[in-house]
C-alpha atoms as a PDB file:
ATOM      1  CA  UNK A   1      -4.083  29.480  74.862  1.00  0.00           C
ATOM      2  CA  UNK A   2      -2.037  32.434  75.783  1.00  0.00           C
ATOM      3  CA  UNK A   3       1.732  32.581  75.791  1.00  0.00           C
ATOM      4  CA  UNK A   4       3.207  31.712  79.253  1.00  0.00           C
ATOM      5  CA  UNK A   5       4.217  34.566  81.501  1.00  0.00           C
ATOM      6  CA  UNK A   6       7.534  36.240  81.477  1.00  0.00           C
ATOM      7  CA  UNK A   7       9.587  35.307  84.072  1.00  0.00           C
ATOM      8  CA  UNK A   8       9.399  37.390  87.226  1.00  0.00           C
ATOM      9  CA  UNK A   9      13.404  36.478  88.115  1.00  0.00           C
ATOM     10  CA  UNK A  10      15.687  38.889  87.348  1.00  0.00           C
ATOM     11  CA  UNK A  11      18.527  38.354  84.651  1.00  0.00           C
ATOM     12  CA  UNK A  12      22.069  37.108  86.002  1.00  0.00           C
ATOM     13  CA  UNK A  13      24.603  39.575  87.029  1.00  0.00           C
ATOM     14  CA  UNK A  14      26.632  40.703  85.303  1.00  0.00           C
ATOM     15  CA  UNK A  15      29.905  39.186  85.546  1.00  0.00           C
ATOM     16  CA  UNK A  16      32.584  41.853  84.519  1.00  0.00           C
ATOM     17  CA  UNK A  17      34.482  43.516  87.883  1.00  0.00           C
ATOM     18  CA  UNK A  18      36.016  47.071  87.863  1.00  0.00           C
ATOM     19  CA  UNK A  19      39.692  46.790  87.374  1.00  0.00           C
ATOM     20  CA  UNK A  20      41.886  46.884  90.674  1.00  0.00           C
ATOM     21  CA  UNK A  21      44.535  49.152  88.656  1.00  0.00           C
ATOM     22  CA  UNK A  22      43.742  52.739  89.501  1.00  0.00           C
ATOM     23  CA  UNK A  23      43.381  55.124  86.224  1.00  0.00           C
ATOM     24  CA  UNK A  24      45.802  57.237  84.944  1.00  0.00           C
ATOM     25  CA  UNK A  25      43.388  59.448  83.734  1.00  0.00           C
ATOM     26  CA  UNK A  26      43.528  63.238  85.788  1.00  0.00           C
ATOM     27  CA  UNK A  27      46.879  62.269  87.758  1.00  0.00           C
ATOM     28  CA  UNK A  28      48.525  65.389  88.731  1.00  0.00           C
ATOM     29  CA  UNK A  29      52.037  65.487  88.017  1.00  0.00           C
ATOM     30  CA  UNK A  30      55.032  65.252  91.163  1.00  0.00           C
ATOM     31  CA  UNK A  31      56.835  68.895  91.258  1.00  0.00           C
ATOM     32  CA  UNK A  32      60.694  68.356  91.242  1.00  0.00           C
ATOM     33  CA  UNK A  33      62.249  71.222  93.680  1.00  0.00           C
ATOM     34  CA  UNK A  34      65.673  72.352  93.042  1.00  0.00           C
ATOM     35  CA  UNK A  35      67.404  74.067  95.677  1.00  0.00           C
ATOM     36  CA  UNK A  36      69.908  76.335  93.852  1.00  0.00           C
ATOM     37  CA  UNK A  37      73.423  77.016  95.109  1.00  0.00           C
ATOM     38  CA  UNK A  38      74.439  79.574  97.298  1.00  0.00           C
ATOM     39  CA  UNK A  39      76.304  82.691  95.174  1.00  0.00           C
ATOM     40  CA  UNK A  40      79.050  84.148  97.258  1.00  0.00           C
ATOM     41  CA  UNK A  41      79.411  87.644  97.983  1.00  0.00           C
ATOM     42  CA  UNK A  42      82.647  89.329  96.740  1.00  0.00           C
ATOM     43  CA  UNK A  43      85.505  90.729  98.537  1.00  0.00           C
ATOM     44  CA  UNK A  44      86.789  94.047  97.834  1.00  0.00           C
ATOM     45  CA  UNK A  45      90.762  94.805  99.152  1.00  0.00           C
ATOM     46  CA  UNK A  46      94.089  96.581  98.341  1.00  0.00           C
ATOM     47  CA  UNK A  47      97.058  94.535  98.321  1.00  0.00           C
ATOM     48  CA  UNK A  48     100.351  96.689  98.808  1.00  0.00           C
ATOM     49  CA  UNK A  49     103.582  96.432  96.214  1.00  0.00           C
ATOM     50  CA  UNK A  50     106.582  98.527  96.783  1.00  0.00           C
ATOM     51  CA  UNK A  51     109.667  99.035  94.660  1.00  0.00           C
ATOM     52  CA  UNK A  52     112.861 100.886  93.875  1.00  0.00           C
ATOM     53  CA  UNK A  53     113.643 103.419  91.159  1.00  0.00           C
ATOM     54  CA  UNK A  54     116.498 104.997  90.383  1.00  0.00           C
ATOM     55  CA  UNK A  55     116.738 108.465  88.266  1.00  0.00           C
ATOM     56  CA  UNK A  56     120.212 109.287  86.444  1.00  0.00           C
ATOM     57  CA  UNK A  57     120.974 112.736  86.963  1.00  0.00           C
ATOM     58  CA  UNK A  58     118.315 113.482  89.240  1.00  0.00           C
ATOM     59  CA  UNK A  59     119.643 114.522  92.226  1.00  0.00           C
ATOM     60  CA  UNK A  60     117.942 117.216  93.894  1.00  0.00           C
ATOM     61  CA  UNK A  61     115.013 116.937  91.067  1.00  0.00           C
ATOM     62  CA  UNK A  62     111.833 115.665  92.178  1.00  0.00           C
ATOM     63  CA  UNK A  63     109.308 113.184  90.192  1.00  0.00           C
ATOM     64  CA  UNK A  64     107.167 114.496  87.791  1.00  0.00           C
ATOM     65  CA  UNK A  65     103.733 114.287  87.386  1.00  0.00           C
ATOM     66  CA  UNK A  66     104.016 112.770  84.282  1.00  0.00           C
ATOM     67  CA  UNK A  67     106.465 110.307  85.768  1.00  0.00           C
ATOM     68  CA  UNK A  68     104.017 109.185  88.261  1.00  0.00           C
ATOM     69  CA  UNK A  69     101.694 108.578  85.907  1.00  0.00           C
ATOM     70  CA  UNK A  70     103.614 106.635  83.653  1.00  0.00           C
ATOM     71  CA  UNK A  71     104.579 104.268  86.804  1.00  0.00           C
ATOM     72  CA  UNK A  72     100.946 103.593  87.572  1.00  0.00           C
ATOM     73  CA  UNK A  73     100.283 102.844  83.826  1.00  0.00           C
ATOM     74  CA  UNK A  74     102.733 100.362  83.511  1.00  0.00           C
ATOM     75  CA  UNK A  75     101.651  98.792  86.820  1.00  0.00           C
ATOM     76  CA  UNK A  76      98.019  98.781  85.123  1.00  0.00           C
ATOM     77  CA  UNK A  77      99.698  96.502  82.265  1.00  0.00           C
ATOM     78  CA  UNK A  78     101.731  94.383  84.631  1.00  0.00           C
ATOM     79  CA  UNK A  79      99.214  93.551  87.679  1.00  0.00           C
ATOM     80  CA  UNK A  80      96.425  92.064  85.601  1.00  0.00           C
ATOM     81  CA  UNK A  81      99.138  89.647  83.516  1.00  0.00           C
ATOM     82  CA  UNK A  82     100.481  88.487  87.028  1.00  0.00           C
ATOM     83  CA  UNK A  83      96.989  87.727  88.564  1.00  0.00           C
ATOM     84  CA  UNK A  84      95.843  85.738  85.348  1.00  0.00           C
ATOM     85  CA  UNK A  85      98.917  83.792  86.041  1.00  0.00           C
ATOM     86  CA  UNK A  86      98.583  83.138  89.519  1.00  0.00           C
ATOM     87  CA  UNK A  87      94.992  82.381  89.720  1.00  0.00           C
ATOM     88  CA  UNK A  88      93.073  81.777  86.069  1.00  0.00           C
ATOM     89  CA  UNK A  89      96.068  80.076  84.666  1.00  0.00           C
ATOM     90  CA  UNK A  90      96.301  77.550  87.640  1.00  0.00           C
ATOM     91  CA  UNK A  91      94.118  74.699  87.375  1.00  0.00           C
ATOM     92  CA  UNK A  92      94.140  73.727  91.190  1.00  0.00           C
ATOM     93  CA  UNK A  93      92.802  76.815  91.966  1.00  0.00           C
ATOM     94  CA  UNK A  94      90.220  77.054  89.243  1.00  0.00           C
ATOM     95  CA  UNK A  95      88.740  73.756  90.282  1.00  0.00           C
ATOM     96  CA  UNK A  96      88.287  75.913  93.599  1.00  0.00           C
ATOM     97  CA  UNK A  97      86.118  78.291  92.166  1.00  0.00           C
ATOM     98  CA  UNK A  98      88.245  81.252  93.206  1.00  0.00           C
ATOM     99  CA  UNK A  99      88.003  84.338  90.946  1.00  0.00           C
ATOM    100  CA  UNK A 100      90.658  87.119  91.363  1.00  0.00           C
ATOM    101  CA  UNK A 101      90.238  90.631  89.141  1.00  0.00           C
ATOM    102  CA  UNK A 102      92.302  93.579  89.174  1.00  0.00           C
ATOM    103  CA  UNK A 103      90.643  96.693  89.139  1.00  0.00           C
ATOM    104  CA  UNK A 104      92.166  99.562  87.420  1.00  0.00           C
ATOM    105  CA  UNK A 105      93.474 101.793  87.750  1.00  0.00           C
ATOM    106  CA  UNK A 106      96.161 100.657  90.420  1.00  0.00           C
ATOM    107  CA  UNK A 107      97.241 103.804  92.494  1.00  0.00           C
ATOM    108  CA  UNK A 108     101.009 104.935  94.370  1.00  0.00           C
ATOM    109  CA  UNK A 109     100.114 105.675  97.542  1.00  0.00           C
ATOM    110  CA  UNK A 110     103.474 107.743  97.878  1.00  0.00           C
ATOM    111  CA  UNK A 111     107.316 107.692  97.072  1.00  0.00           C
ATOM    112  CA  UNK A 112     110.366 109.459  99.230  1.00  0.00           C
ATOM    113  CA  UNK A 113     113.758 109.164  98.888  1.00  0.00           C
ATOM    114  CA  UNK A 114     116.353 106.268  99.800  1.00  0.00           C
ATOM    115  CA  UNK A 115     119.962 106.003  99.729  1.00  0.00           C
ATOM    116  CA  UNK A 116     121.045 104.738  95.992  1.00  0.00           C
ATOM    117  CA  UNK A 117     123.523 101.648  95.303  1.00  0.00           C
ATOM    118  CA  UNK A 118     127.249 102.207  96.159  1.00  0.00           C
ATOM    119  CA  UNK A 119     127.904 101.853  92.232  1.00  0.00           C
ATOM    120  CA  UNK A 120     125.578 104.603  91.478  1.00  0.00           C
ATOM    121  CA  UNK A 121     126.693 108.051  90.194  1.00  0.00           C
ATOM    122  CA  UNK A 122     126.573 110.619  92.507  1.00  0.00           C
ATOM    123  CA  UNK A 123     124.148 112.956  90.288  1.00  0.00           C
ATOM    124  CA  UNK A 124     121.741 109.909  90.906  1.00  0.00           C
ATOM    125  CA  UNK A 125     118.892 110.079  92.928  1.00  0.00           C
ATOM    126  CA  UNK A 126     117.051 106.990  94.095  1.00  0.00           C
ATOM    127  CA  UNK A 127     113.450 106.703  95.266  1.00  0.00           C
ATOM    128  CA  UNK A 128     111.208 103.851  97.289  1.00  0.00           C
ATOM    129  CA  UNK A 129     107.642 103.488  95.733  1.00  0.00           C
ATOM    130  CA  UNK A 130     104.573 102.379  97.382  1.00  0.00           C
ATOM    131  CA  UNK A 131     101.845 101.404  95.064  1.00  0.00           C
ATOM    132  CA  UNK A 132      98.625  99.431  95.585  1.00  0.00           C
ATOM    133  CA  UNK A 133      96.676  97.276  93.605  1.00  0.00           C
ATOM    134  CA  UNK A 134      92.909  96.908  94.335  1.00  0.00           C
ATOM    135  CA  UNK A 135      91.646  93.443  93.976  1.00  0.00           C
ATOM    136  CA  UNK A 136      87.828  91.775  93.565  1.00  0.00           C
ATOM    137  CA  UNK A 137      87.538  88.352  94.942  1.00  0.00           C
ATOM    138  CA  UNK A 138      85.281  85.552  94.804  1.00  0.00           C
ATOM    139  CA  UNK A 139      85.985  82.563  96.364  1.00  0.00           C
ATOM    140  CA  UNK A 140      86.137  80.903  99.805  1.00  0.00           C
ATOM    141  CA  UNK A 141      89.740  82.588 100.327  1.00  0.00           C
ATOM    142  CA  UNK A 142      90.332  85.138 102.576  1.00  0.00           C
ATOM    143  CA  UNK A 143      92.140  88.248 101.812  1.00  0.00           C
ATOM    144  CA  UNK A 144      95.343  87.267 103.636  1.00  0.00           C
ATOM    145  CA  UNK A 145      95.583  83.648 101.274  1.00  0.00           C
ATOM    146  CA  UNK A 146      95.014  85.947  98.270  1.00  0.00           C
ATOM    147  CA  UNK A 147      97.548  88.442  99.170  1.00  0.00           C
ATOM    148  CA  UNK A 148     100.246  85.613 100.151  1.00  0.00           C
ATOM    149  CA  UNK A 149     100.204  83.831  97.130  1.00  0.00           C
ATOM    150  CA  UNK A 150      99.714  87.157  94.488  1.00  0.00           C
ATOM    151  CA  UNK A 151     102.550  89.693  96.190  1.00  0.00           C
ATOM    152  CA  UNK A 152     105.379  87.496  95.710  1.00  0.00           C
ATOM    153  CA  UNK A 153     104.292  86.698  92.196  1.00  0.00           C
ATOM    154  CA  UNK A 154     103.894  90.256  91.516  1.00  0.00           C
ATOM    155  CA  UNK A 155     107.398  90.892  93.336  1.00  0.00           C
ATOM    156  CA  UNK A 156     109.204  88.259  91.387  1.00  0.00           C
ATOM    157  CA  UNK A 157     107.856  89.763  87.842  1.00  0.00           C
ATOM    158  CA  UNK A 158     108.958  93.511  88.959  1.00  0.00           C
ATOM    159  CA  UNK A 159     112.517  91.679  89.802  1.00  0.00           C
ATOM    160  CA  UNK A 160     112.817  90.064  86.644  1.00  0.00           C
ATOM    161  CA  UNK A 161     112.463  93.550  84.609  1.00  0.00           C
ATOM    162  CA  UNK A 162     108.673  93.475  83.452  1.00  0.00           C
ATOM    163  CA  UNK A 163     107.482  96.389  85.148  1.00  0.00           C
ATOM    164  CA  UNK A 164     110.290  97.780  83.590  1.00  0.00           C
ATOM    165  CA  UNK A 165     109.445  96.476  80.072  1.00  0.00           C
ATOM    166  CA  UNK A 166     105.843  97.931  80.708  1.00  0.00           C
ATOM    167  CA  UNK A 167     107.267 101.274  81.332  1.00  0.00           C
ATOM    168  CA  UNK A 168     109.154 101.271  78.231  1.00  0.00           C
ATOM    169  CA  UNK A 169     106.107 100.576  76.661  1.00  0.00           C
ATOM    170  CA  UNK A 170     104.289 103.094  77.778  1.00  0.00           C
ATOM    171  CA  UNK A 171     106.762 105.892  77.630  1.00  0.00           C
ATOM    172  CA  UNK A 172     109.953 104.825  75.775  1.00  0.00           C
ATOM    173  CA  UNK A 173     111.728 108.114  76.674  1.00  0.00           C
ATOM    174  CA  UNK A 174     111.460 107.767  80.182  1.00  0.00           C
ATOM    175  CA  UNK A 175     114.279 108.555  82.546  1.00  0.00           C
ATOM    176  CA  UNK A 176     113.073 106.232  85.461  1.00  0.00           C
ATOM    177  CA  UNK A 177     114.581 102.954  85.944  1.00  0.00           C
ATOM    178  CA  UNK A 178     113.123 100.492  87.711  1.00  0.00           C
ATOM    179  CA  UNK A 179     115.115  98.636  90.385  1.00  0.00           C
ATOM    180  CA  UNK A 180     114.131  95.912  92.816  1.00  0.00           C
ATOM    181  CA  UNK A 181     110.951  95.124  94.905  1.00  0.00           C
ATOM    182  CA  UNK A 182     110.647  93.584  97.820  1.00  0.00           C
ATOM    183  CA  UNK A 183     107.866  91.352  99.298  1.00  0.00           C
ATOM    184  CA  UNK A 184     105.338  92.700 101.820  1.00  0.00           C
ATOM    185  CA  UNK A 185     104.710  90.633 104.627  1.00  0.00           C
ATOM    186  CA  UNK A 186     101.392  89.092 105.027  1.00  0.00           C
ATOM    187  CA  UNK A 187      99.442  88.328 108.198  1.00  0.00           C
ATOM    188  CA  UNK A 188      98.332  84.691 108.881  1.00  0.00           C
ATOM    189  CA  UNK A 189      95.124  84.431 108.143  1.00  0.00           C
ATOM    190  CA  UNK A 190      92.534  83.200 111.096  1.00  0.00           C
ATOM    191  CA  UNK A 191      91.105  79.897 109.068  1.00  0.00           C
ATOM    192  CA  UNK A 192      94.161  79.382 106.508  1.00  0.00           C
ATOM    193  CA  UNK A 193      93.230  77.003 103.531  1.00  0.00           C
ATOM    194  CA  UNK A 194      95.773  74.085 103.292  1.00  0.00           C
ATOM    195  CA  UNK A 195      95.611  74.384  99.526  1.00  0.00           C
ATOM    196  CA  UNK A 196      95.968  77.486  98.703  1.00  0.00           C
ATOM    197  CA  UNK A 197      98.385  78.481 101.573  1.00  0.00           C
ATOM    198  CA  UNK A 198     100.677  75.478 100.376  1.00  0.00           C
ATOM    199  CA  UNK A 199     100.840  77.045  96.897  1.00  0.00           C
ATOM    200  CA  UNK A 200     101.284  80.119  98.741  1.00  0.00           C
ATOM    201  CA  UNK A 201     104.448  79.122 100.852  1.00  0.00           C
ATOM    202  CA  UNK A 202     105.683  77.788  97.740  1.00  0.00           C
ATOM    203  CA  UNK A 203     105.310  81.357  95.825  1.00  0.00           C
ATOM    204  CA  UNK A 204     107.072  82.655  98.574  1.00  0.00           C
ATOM    205  CA  UNK A 205     110.032  80.546  98.368  1.00  0.00           C
ATOM    206  CA  UNK A 206     110.263  80.644  94.537  1.00  0.00           C
ATOM    207  CA  UNK A 207     110.250  84.492  94.461  1.00  0.00           C
ATOM    208  CA  UNK A 208     112.898  84.353  97.112  1.00  0.00           C
ATOM    209  CA  UNK A 209     115.202  82.168  95.039  1.00  0.00           C
ATOM    210  CA  UNK A 210     114.529  84.037  91.747  1.00  0.00           C
ATOM    211  CA  UNK A 211     115.541  87.326  93.260  1.00  0.00           C
ATOM    212  CA  UNK A 212     118.929  85.764  94.186  1.00  0.00           C
ATOM    213  CA  UNK A 213     119.040  84.359  90.775  1.00  0.00           C
ATOM    214  CA  UNK A 214     117.731  87.566  88.442  1.00  0.00           C
ATOM    215  CA  UNK A 215     120.346  90.137  90.760  1.00  0.00           C
ATOM    216  CA  UNK A 216     122.823  89.924  88.550  1.00  0.00           C
ATOM    217  CA  UNK A 217     121.446  90.209  85.664  1.00  0.00           C
ATOM    218  CA  UNK A 218     119.103  93.301  86.918  1.00  0.00           C
ATOM    219  CA  UNK A 219     122.612  94.994  87.560  1.00  0.00           C
ATOM    220  CA  UNK A 220     123.702  94.507  84.550  1.00  0.00           C
ATOM    221  CA  UNK A 221     120.430  95.749  82.536  1.00  0.00           C
ATOM    222  CA  UNK A 222     120.247  98.618  85.413  1.00  0.00           C
ATOM    223  CA  UNK A 223     123.725  99.803  84.317  1.00  0.00           C
ATOM    224  CA  UNK A 224     123.137  99.632  80.670  1.00  0.00           C
ATOM    225  CA  UNK A 225     119.837 101.619  81.143  1.00  0.00           C
ATOM    226  CA  UNK A 226     121.650 104.290  83.500  1.00  0.00           C
ATOM    227  CA  UNK A 227     124.710 104.890  80.836  1.00  0.00           C
ATOM    228  CA  UNK A 228     121.879 105.124  78.207  1.00  0.00           C
ATOM    229  CA  UNK A 229     120.298 108.149  80.069  1.00  0.00           C
ATOM    230  CA  UNK A 230     124.049 109.650  80.885  1.00  0.00           C
ATOM    231  CA  UNK A 231     124.902 109.927  77.395  1.00  0.00           C
ATOM    232  CA  UNK A 232     121.534 111.296  76.410  1.00  0.00           C
ATOM    233  CA  UNK A 233     122.311 114.187  78.959  1.00  0.00           C
ATOM    234  CA  UNK A 234     125.685 114.343  78.380  1.00  0.00           C
ATOM    235  CA  UNK A 235     125.378 115.015  74.351  1.00  0.00           C
ATOM    236  CA  UNK A 236     122.165 117.627  75.469  1.00  0.00           C
ATOM    237  CA  UNK A 237     124.423 119.347  77.465  1.00  0.00           C
ATOM    238  CA  UNK A 238     127.342 119.543  74.895  1.00  0.00           C
ATOM    239  CA  UNK A 239     125.397 120.537  72.263  1.00  0.00           C
ATOM    240  CA  UNK A 240     124.173 123.337  74.422  1.00  0.00           C
ATOM    241  CA  UNK A 241     127.874 124.019  75.628  1.00  0.00           C
ATOM    242  CA  UNK A 242     128.457 124.076  71.300  1.00  0.00           C
ATOM    243  CA  UNK A 243     125.943 126.537  70.515  1.00  0.00           C
ATOM    244  CA  UNK A 244     126.905 129.073  73.527  1.00  0.00           C
ATOM    245  CA  UNK A 245     130.610 129.382  71.714  1.00  0.00           C
END
C-alpha cells in the first residue's frame, strides 16, 4: 500500500521570541560640550611716583641727560621687583588670578628745582622727580585698586634706600643722592573690591609708619653720601689748585 499522505498542517511556530533589550550595535556616542572660561582683556595704565634728589655742589648746575638716564635705569630695576613682591608673591592675590606686569622702560615725566632741607649745604641743589611706571594688569581689579596697593609699596621701597642702591648699581660714580618719596593720592574706584581694598589700606598704613621709622636712617645715609661726594670734589679742587702753583 502506498504510504500515507504527508500532513497538510504546518509545523509548530518557533518558540523563540525577539529580545526586548535594544541592541548596542550602531549606537552613536552622545557628544559632550564644554563651555570655555572667558579670557579677560589686559588693562594698560600708568602709575605715578614722585621723589626728591639732592646733588652735592650742584647749585645752578642742571641734571645731565646721563643722570636722568641713570635714574630711569635704577627705577627699571626697582619697579618690577616691588610689583612681584606686592602681587605675585602674595598668595591671597594669586588666588584671585590677578596678574600685574611692569612694562619697561619706566619714564621720567619731569624734574624741577625744590628747596633743600635746612641741613643741606648752600652749594647743594635739590630737585623733585616725577616718574611714571607703565602697568599691564589682567584680573578683576580696577586700575585705581592696583595703584592703591602698588604706589605705597614703591614709595616705601624708595624710602628704605632701595632706589639709591639700584642707582649705585647702575652708576657707582653718580653724584645724585635720592631722598624721600611721597605716596600719590589714589582716586576711589567706582566699584571697590573688598579683598584688595583691605590690602591696599593696610599697605598705605604700613608705608606711612615705615616712612617715619626710616627717616632717621635716611638722614644718616644721606649725610654720609653727601660728605663722600663733597670730599671727592674738594680733593679734585685741591689737586687743580696745586697744579696751578
